[in-house]
Amino acid sequence: MNEFDVNSDVEERELEKQLQKLPKEKWKIWRLIAVGIIMPFVGPYIPMRKGTLAERMGYSDAVLLFGAILVIVVPIGCYMHFQKINNQIFEAECDLENLKRKNKQKIESGITE
C-alpha cells in the first residue's frame, strides 16, 4: 500500500467514527434545557449596578420576565444546536463519500493501466 491508501484508510475510519459519535451530541442539549428551567428562579438574584432585579421589580415579576425571555431563547438555542450537528453530519457524510469515490476511481484507473 502506498501513502495515499494508508492516509485515505485512516481518514475514512476517522470519518466513520465521527459519524457514529455525532448523533449522540444532539442529546447534550439537556444542559441548555436545565439552565432554562433553573434560571428564572435564580436569575432575579444576579447582582446588577442598581441592585438585584428582585429588589427593583419584585421577585415574582422578575421570575416572569426571566421565564418569558428563556421561553424564547431556549427553543432558538435548541434549534441552532440541532442544525449545527446536522450540518456536521452532512459534511462528514460528504467527505466520506468523496473519499470512497476517489479510492474507487484510483482502483479502476490502476486496473485499466
N, C-alpha and C. Protein backbone atom coordinates (compact mmCIF):
# COMPACT_ATOMS: atom_id res chain seq x y z
N MET A 1 0.84 -1.19 0.00
CA MET A 1 0.00 0.00 0.00
C MET A 1 0.88 1.25 0.00
N ASN A 2 0.50 2.20 -0.80
CA ASN A 2 1.25 3.45 -0.81
C ASN A 2 0.70 4.41 0.25
N GLU A 3 1.33 5.56 0.34
CA GLU A 3 0.97 6.53 1.39
C GLU A 3 -0.46 7.05 1.22
N PHE A 4 -0.91 7.22 -0.01
CA PHE A 4 -2.27 7.69 -0.26
C PHE A 4 -3.30 6.71 0.29
N ASP A 5 -3.08 5.42 0.05
CA ASP A 5 -4.02 4.41 0.54
C ASP A 5 -4.06 4.38 2.06
N VAL A 6 -2.92 4.48 2.70
CA VAL A 6 -2.86 4.47 4.16
C VAL A 6 -3.58 5.70 4.72
N ASN A 7 -3.29 6.86 4.16
CA ASN A 7 -3.93 8.09 4.63
C ASN A 7 -5.44 8.06 4.41
N SER A 8 -5.87 7.56 3.27
CA SER A 8 -7.30 7.52 3.00
C SER A 8 -8.01 6.53 3.92
N ASP A 9 -7.35 5.40 4.25
CA ASP A 9 -7.95 4.45 5.18
C ASP A 9 -8.09 5.05 6.57
N VAL A 10 -7.07 5.75 7.02
CA VAL A 10 -7.12 6.39 8.34
C VAL A 10 -8.19 7.47 8.36
N GLU A 11 -8.24 8.26 7.31
CA GLU A 11 -9.23 9.34 7.23
C GLU A 11 -10.65 8.77 7.18
N GLU A 12 -10.81 7.65 6.45
CA GLU A 12 -12.12 7.01 6.34
C GLU A 12 -12.57 6.49 7.71
N ARG A 13 -11.66 5.88 8.47
CA ARG A 13 -12.01 5.39 9.81
C ARG A 13 -12.38 6.53 10.74
N GLU A 14 -11.63 7.65 10.65
CA GLU A 14 -11.94 8.80 11.50
C GLU A 14 -13.31 9.39 11.17
N LEU A 15 -13.65 9.47 9.88
CA LEU A 15 -14.95 9.99 9.49
C LEU A 15 -16.08 9.08 9.94
N GLU A 16 -15.88 7.76 9.84
CA GLU A 16 -16.91 6.82 10.30
C GLU A 16 -17.09 6.92 11.81
N LYS A 17 -15.99 7.09 12.53
CA LYS A 17 -16.07 7.25 13.98
C LYS A 17 -16.82 8.53 14.34
N GLN A 18 -16.54 9.58 13.59
CA GLN A 18 -17.21 10.86 13.82
C GLN A 18 -18.71 10.74 13.52
N LEU A 19 -19.06 10.02 12.47
CA LEU A 19 -20.47 9.83 12.13
C LEU A 19 -21.21 9.04 13.20
N GLN A 20 -20.53 8.12 13.86
CA GLN A 20 -21.16 7.37 14.94
C GLN A 20 -21.33 8.23 16.18
N LYS A 21 -20.42 9.16 16.41
CA LYS A 21 -20.42 9.97 17.62
C LYS A 21 -21.39 11.16 17.53
N LEU A 22 -21.55 11.75 16.36
CA LEU A 22 -22.31 12.99 16.21
C LEU A 22 -23.79 12.89 16.61
N PRO A 23 -24.53 11.84 16.27
CA PRO A 23 -25.93 11.81 16.72
C PRO A 23 -26.08 11.82 18.25
N LYS A 24 -25.09 11.32 18.96
CA LYS A 24 -25.14 11.35 20.42
C LYS A 24 -24.95 12.77 20.94
N GLU A 25 -24.30 13.63 20.17
CA GLU A 25 -24.09 15.02 20.57
C GLU A 25 -25.40 15.79 20.63
N LYS A 26 -26.40 15.36 19.88
CA LYS A 26 -27.67 16.06 19.87
C LYS A 26 -28.31 16.06 21.26
N TRP A 27 -28.09 15.03 22.00
CA TRP A 27 -28.77 14.92 23.29
C TRP A 27 -27.99 15.58 24.42
N LYS A 28 -26.92 16.29 24.11
CA LYS A 28 -26.23 17.09 25.12
C LYS A 28 -26.93 18.43 25.31
N ILE A 29 -28.06 18.58 24.69
CA ILE A 29 -28.85 19.80 24.79
C ILE A 29 -29.51 19.91 26.16
N TRP A 30 -29.48 18.86 26.93
CA TRP A 30 -30.11 18.86 28.25
C TRP A 30 -29.56 19.97 29.14
N ARG A 31 -28.30 20.37 28.92
CA ARG A 31 -27.72 21.46 29.71
C ARG A 31 -28.47 22.77 29.49
N LEU A 32 -28.74 23.07 28.24
CA LEU A 32 -29.47 24.29 27.91
C LEU A 32 -30.88 24.25 28.50
N ILE A 33 -31.51 23.10 28.44
CA ILE A 33 -32.86 22.96 28.99
C ILE A 33 -32.84 23.10 30.51
N ALA A 34 -31.82 22.52 31.17
CA ALA A 34 -31.70 22.64 32.63
C ALA A 34 -31.49 24.09 33.03
N VAL A 35 -30.66 24.81 32.30
CA VAL A 35 -30.45 26.23 32.58
C VAL A 35 -31.74 27.01 32.36
N GLY A 36 -32.50 26.63 31.35
CA GLY A 36 -33.77 27.29 31.07
C GLY A 36 -34.80 27.07 32.16
N ILE A 37 -34.71 25.95 32.86
CA ILE A 37 -35.64 25.69 33.96
C ILE A 37 -35.19 26.38 35.24
N ILE A 38 -33.89 26.39 35.51
CA ILE A 38 -33.36 26.93 36.77
C ILE A 38 -33.22 28.45 36.74
N MET A 39 -32.85 29.01 35.61
CA MET A 39 -32.51 30.43 35.52
C MET A 39 -33.63 31.38 35.95
N PRO A 40 -34.90 31.15 35.61
CA PRO A 40 -35.92 32.11 36.05
C PRO A 40 -36.00 32.25 37.58
N PHE A 41 -35.63 31.22 38.31
CA PHE A 41 -35.72 31.29 39.77
C PHE A 41 -34.44 31.84 40.41
N VAL A 42 -33.30 31.67 39.75
CA VAL A 42 -32.03 32.15 40.28
C VAL A 42 -31.65 33.50 39.68
N GLY A 43 -32.04 33.74 38.46
CA GLY A 43 -31.69 34.95 37.74
C GLY A 43 -32.03 36.26 38.42
N PRO A 44 -33.19 36.38 39.07
CA PRO A 44 -33.51 37.65 39.72
C PRO A 44 -32.52 38.07 40.81
N TYR A 45 -31.73 37.15 41.32
CA TYR A 45 -30.78 37.48 42.37
C TYR A 45 -29.38 37.78 41.84
N ILE A 46 -29.20 37.79 40.52
CA ILE A 46 -27.90 38.14 39.95
C ILE A 46 -27.66 39.63 40.20
N PRO A 47 -26.52 39.98 40.80
CA PRO A 47 -26.27 41.40 41.10
C PRO A 47 -26.08 42.23 39.83
N MET A 48 -26.66 43.42 39.86
CA MET A 48 -26.52 44.38 38.77
C MET A 48 -26.03 45.70 39.35
N ARG A 49 -25.93 46.73 38.53
CA ARG A 49 -25.42 48.02 39.01
C ARG A 49 -26.30 48.64 40.10
N LYS A 50 -27.59 48.59 39.90
CA LYS A 50 -28.51 49.25 40.84
C LYS A 50 -29.20 48.24 41.75
N GLY A 51 -28.57 47.13 42.06
CA GLY A 51 -29.17 46.11 42.91
C GLY A 51 -29.71 44.96 42.07
N THR A 52 -30.20 43.96 42.75
CA THR A 52 -30.72 42.80 42.03
C THR A 52 -32.06 43.14 41.38
N LEU A 53 -32.41 42.35 40.41
CA LEU A 53 -33.68 42.56 39.71
C LEU A 53 -34.85 42.27 40.65
N ALA A 54 -34.67 41.32 41.58
CA ALA A 54 -35.73 41.01 42.54
C ALA A 54 -36.00 42.19 43.45
N GLU A 55 -34.99 42.96 43.81
CA GLU A 55 -35.19 44.15 44.65
C GLU A 55 -35.85 45.27 43.87
N ARG A 56 -35.50 45.40 42.62
CA ARG A 56 -36.01 46.52 41.83
C ARG A 56 -37.44 46.33 41.37
N MET A 57 -37.83 45.12 40.98
CA MET A 57 -39.18 44.95 40.44
C MET A 57 -40.00 43.88 41.14
N GLY A 58 -39.46 43.29 42.17
CA GLY A 58 -40.19 42.22 42.87
C GLY A 58 -39.81 40.87 42.31
N TYR A 59 -39.77 39.88 43.19
CA TYR A 59 -39.31 38.55 42.79
C TYR A 59 -40.24 37.91 41.75
N SER A 60 -41.55 37.98 41.97
CA SER A 60 -42.48 37.29 41.05
C SER A 60 -42.43 37.91 39.66
N ASP A 61 -42.34 39.23 39.58
CA ASP A 61 -42.24 39.87 38.26
C ASP A 61 -40.92 39.54 37.57
N ALA A 62 -39.84 39.47 38.35
CA ALA A 62 -38.53 39.14 37.79
C ALA A 62 -38.52 37.70 37.27
N VAL A 63 -39.17 36.79 38.02
CA VAL A 63 -39.26 35.40 37.56
C VAL A 63 -40.04 35.33 36.26
N LEU A 64 -41.14 36.05 36.17
CA LEU A 64 -41.92 36.06 34.93
C LEU A 64 -41.13 36.66 33.77
N LEU A 65 -40.37 37.71 34.03
CA LEU A 65 -39.54 38.31 32.98
C LEU A 65 -38.49 37.33 32.48
N PHE A 66 -37.75 36.71 33.41
CA PHE A 66 -36.74 35.72 33.02
C PHE A 66 -37.39 34.52 32.32
N GLY A 67 -38.53 34.10 32.82
CA GLY A 67 -39.24 32.98 32.18
C GLY A 67 -39.64 33.29 30.76
N ALA A 68 -40.16 34.50 30.54
CA ALA A 68 -40.57 34.91 29.19
C ALA A 68 -39.37 34.97 28.24
N ILE A 69 -38.27 35.50 28.74
CA ILE A 69 -37.07 35.58 27.91
C ILE A 69 -36.57 34.18 27.56
N LEU A 70 -36.54 33.31 28.54
CA LEU A 70 -36.00 31.97 28.30
C LEU A 70 -36.94 31.08 27.50
N VAL A 71 -38.24 31.37 27.53
CA VAL A 71 -39.18 30.62 26.68
C VAL A 71 -38.88 30.90 25.21
N ILE A 72 -38.35 32.07 24.94
CA ILE A 72 -37.98 32.41 23.56
C ILE A 72 -36.57 31.92 23.23
N VAL A 73 -35.63 32.07 24.16
CA VAL A 73 -34.22 31.78 23.89
C VAL A 73 -33.92 30.29 23.83
N VAL A 74 -34.50 29.49 24.72
CA VAL A 74 -34.17 28.05 24.78
C VAL A 74 -34.56 27.32 23.49
N PRO A 75 -35.76 27.48 22.94
CA PRO A 75 -36.06 26.80 21.67
C PRO A 75 -35.15 27.23 20.52
N ILE A 76 -34.79 28.53 20.49
CA ILE A 76 -33.89 29.01 19.44
C ILE A 76 -32.52 28.36 19.60
N GLY A 77 -32.04 28.27 20.84
CA GLY A 77 -30.75 27.62 21.10
C GLY A 77 -30.78 26.14 20.74
N CYS A 78 -31.88 25.46 21.06
CA CYS A 78 -32.01 24.04 20.70
C CYS A 78 -31.98 23.87 19.18
N TYR A 79 -32.72 24.71 18.48
CA TYR A 79 -32.76 24.63 17.02
C TYR A 79 -31.38 24.85 16.42
N MET A 80 -30.67 25.87 16.93
CA MET A 80 -29.34 26.16 16.40
C MET A 80 -28.37 25.00 16.67
N HIS A 81 -28.47 24.39 17.85
CA HIS A 81 -27.60 23.26 18.18
C HIS A 81 -27.89 22.07 17.26
N PHE A 82 -29.16 21.75 17.05
CA PHE A 82 -29.51 20.64 16.16
C PHE A 82 -29.06 20.91 14.73
N GLN A 83 -29.20 22.14 14.27
CA GLN A 83 -28.75 22.48 12.92
C GLN A 83 -27.24 22.32 12.79
N LYS A 84 -26.50 22.74 13.80
CA LYS A 84 -25.04 22.62 13.76
C LYS A 84 -24.63 21.15 13.67
N ILE A 85 -25.26 20.29 14.49
CA ILE A 85 -24.94 18.87 14.47
C ILE A 85 -25.33 18.26 13.12
N ASN A 86 -26.50 18.61 12.60
CA ASN A 86 -26.93 18.07 11.30
C ASN A 86 -25.97 18.50 10.18
N ASN A 87 -25.49 19.74 10.24
CA ASN A 87 -24.52 20.20 9.23
C ASN A 87 -23.21 19.44 9.34
N GLN A 88 -22.75 19.17 10.56
CA GLN A 88 -21.53 18.40 10.74
C GLN A 88 -21.69 16.97 10.22
N ILE A 89 -22.85 16.37 10.48
CA ILE A 89 -23.12 15.02 9.97
C ILE A 89 -23.11 15.03 8.45
N PHE A 90 -23.75 16.02 7.83
CA PHE A 90 -23.80 16.11 6.38
C PHE A 90 -22.41 16.27 5.79
N GLU A 91 -21.59 17.15 6.40
CA GLU A 91 -20.23 17.36 5.90
C GLU A 91 -19.40 16.08 6.02
N ALA A 92 -19.54 15.36 7.14
CA ALA A 92 -18.78 14.13 7.32
C ALA A 92 -19.21 13.07 6.31
N GLU A 93 -20.53 12.98 6.07
CA GLU A 93 -21.01 12.01 5.07
C GLU A 93 -20.50 12.36 3.67
N CYS A 94 -20.50 13.64 3.33
CA CYS A 94 -19.99 14.06 2.01
C CYS A 94 -18.50 13.75 1.88
N ASP A 95 -17.72 14.06 2.92
CA ASP A 95 -16.29 13.78 2.88
C ASP A 95 -16.03 12.28 2.74
N LEU A 96 -16.80 11.48 3.46
CA LEU A 96 -16.64 10.03 3.39
C LEU A 96 -16.99 9.51 2.00
N GLU A 97 -18.08 10.03 1.44
CA GLU A 97 -18.48 9.61 0.10
C GLU A 97 -17.44 10.01 -0.95
N ASN A 98 -16.90 11.22 -0.82
CA ASN A 98 -15.86 11.66 -1.75
C ASN A 98 -14.60 10.82 -1.63
N LEU A 99 -14.24 10.46 -0.41
CA LEU A 99 -13.07 9.60 -0.20
C LEU A 99 -13.26 8.24 -0.85
N LYS A 100 -14.45 7.66 -0.64
CA LYS A 100 -14.73 6.35 -1.24
C LYS A 100 -14.72 6.43 -2.76
N ARG A 101 -15.26 7.54 -3.31
CA ARG A 101 -15.29 7.71 -4.76
C ARG A 101 -13.86 7.84 -5.31
N LYS A 102 -12.99 8.59 -4.60
CA LYS A 102 -11.60 8.73 -5.03
C LYS A 102 -10.89 7.38 -4.99
N ASN A 103 -11.12 6.62 -3.93
CA ASN A 103 -10.49 5.29 -3.83
C ASN A 103 -10.95 4.38 -4.95
N LYS A 104 -12.25 4.44 -5.26
CA LYS A 104 -12.80 3.60 -6.32
C LYS A 104 -12.20 4.00 -7.66
N GLN A 105 -12.09 5.31 -7.92
CA GLN A 105 -11.50 5.77 -9.18
C GLN A 105 -10.03 5.38 -9.27
N LYS A 106 -9.32 5.45 -8.16
CA LYS A 106 -7.92 5.07 -8.16
C LYS A 106 -7.75 3.58 -8.48
N ILE A 107 -8.62 2.77 -7.88
CA ILE A 107 -8.56 1.33 -8.14
C ILE A 107 -8.90 1.03 -9.60
N GLU A 108 -9.95 1.68 -10.13
CA GLU A 108 -10.33 1.46 -11.51
C GLU A 108 -9.25 1.94 -12.48
N SER A 109 -8.61 3.06 -12.17
CA SER A 109 -7.58 3.57 -13.07
C SER A 109 -6.33 2.67 -12.98
N GLY A 110 -6.09 2.06 -11.83
CA GLY A 110 -4.95 1.16 -11.68
C GLY A 110 -5.16 -0.14 -12.46
N ILE A 111 -6.40 -0.57 -12.56
CA ILE A 111 -6.72 -1.80 -13.30
C ILE A 111 -6.60 -1.57 -14.80
N THR A 112 -7.04 -0.43 -15.29
CA THR A 112 -7.02 -0.18 -16.73
C THR A 112 -5.63 0.14 -17.26
N GLU A 113 -4.73 0.57 -16.39
CA GLU A 113 -3.39 0.91 -16.87
C GLU A 113 -2.55 -0.28 -17.13
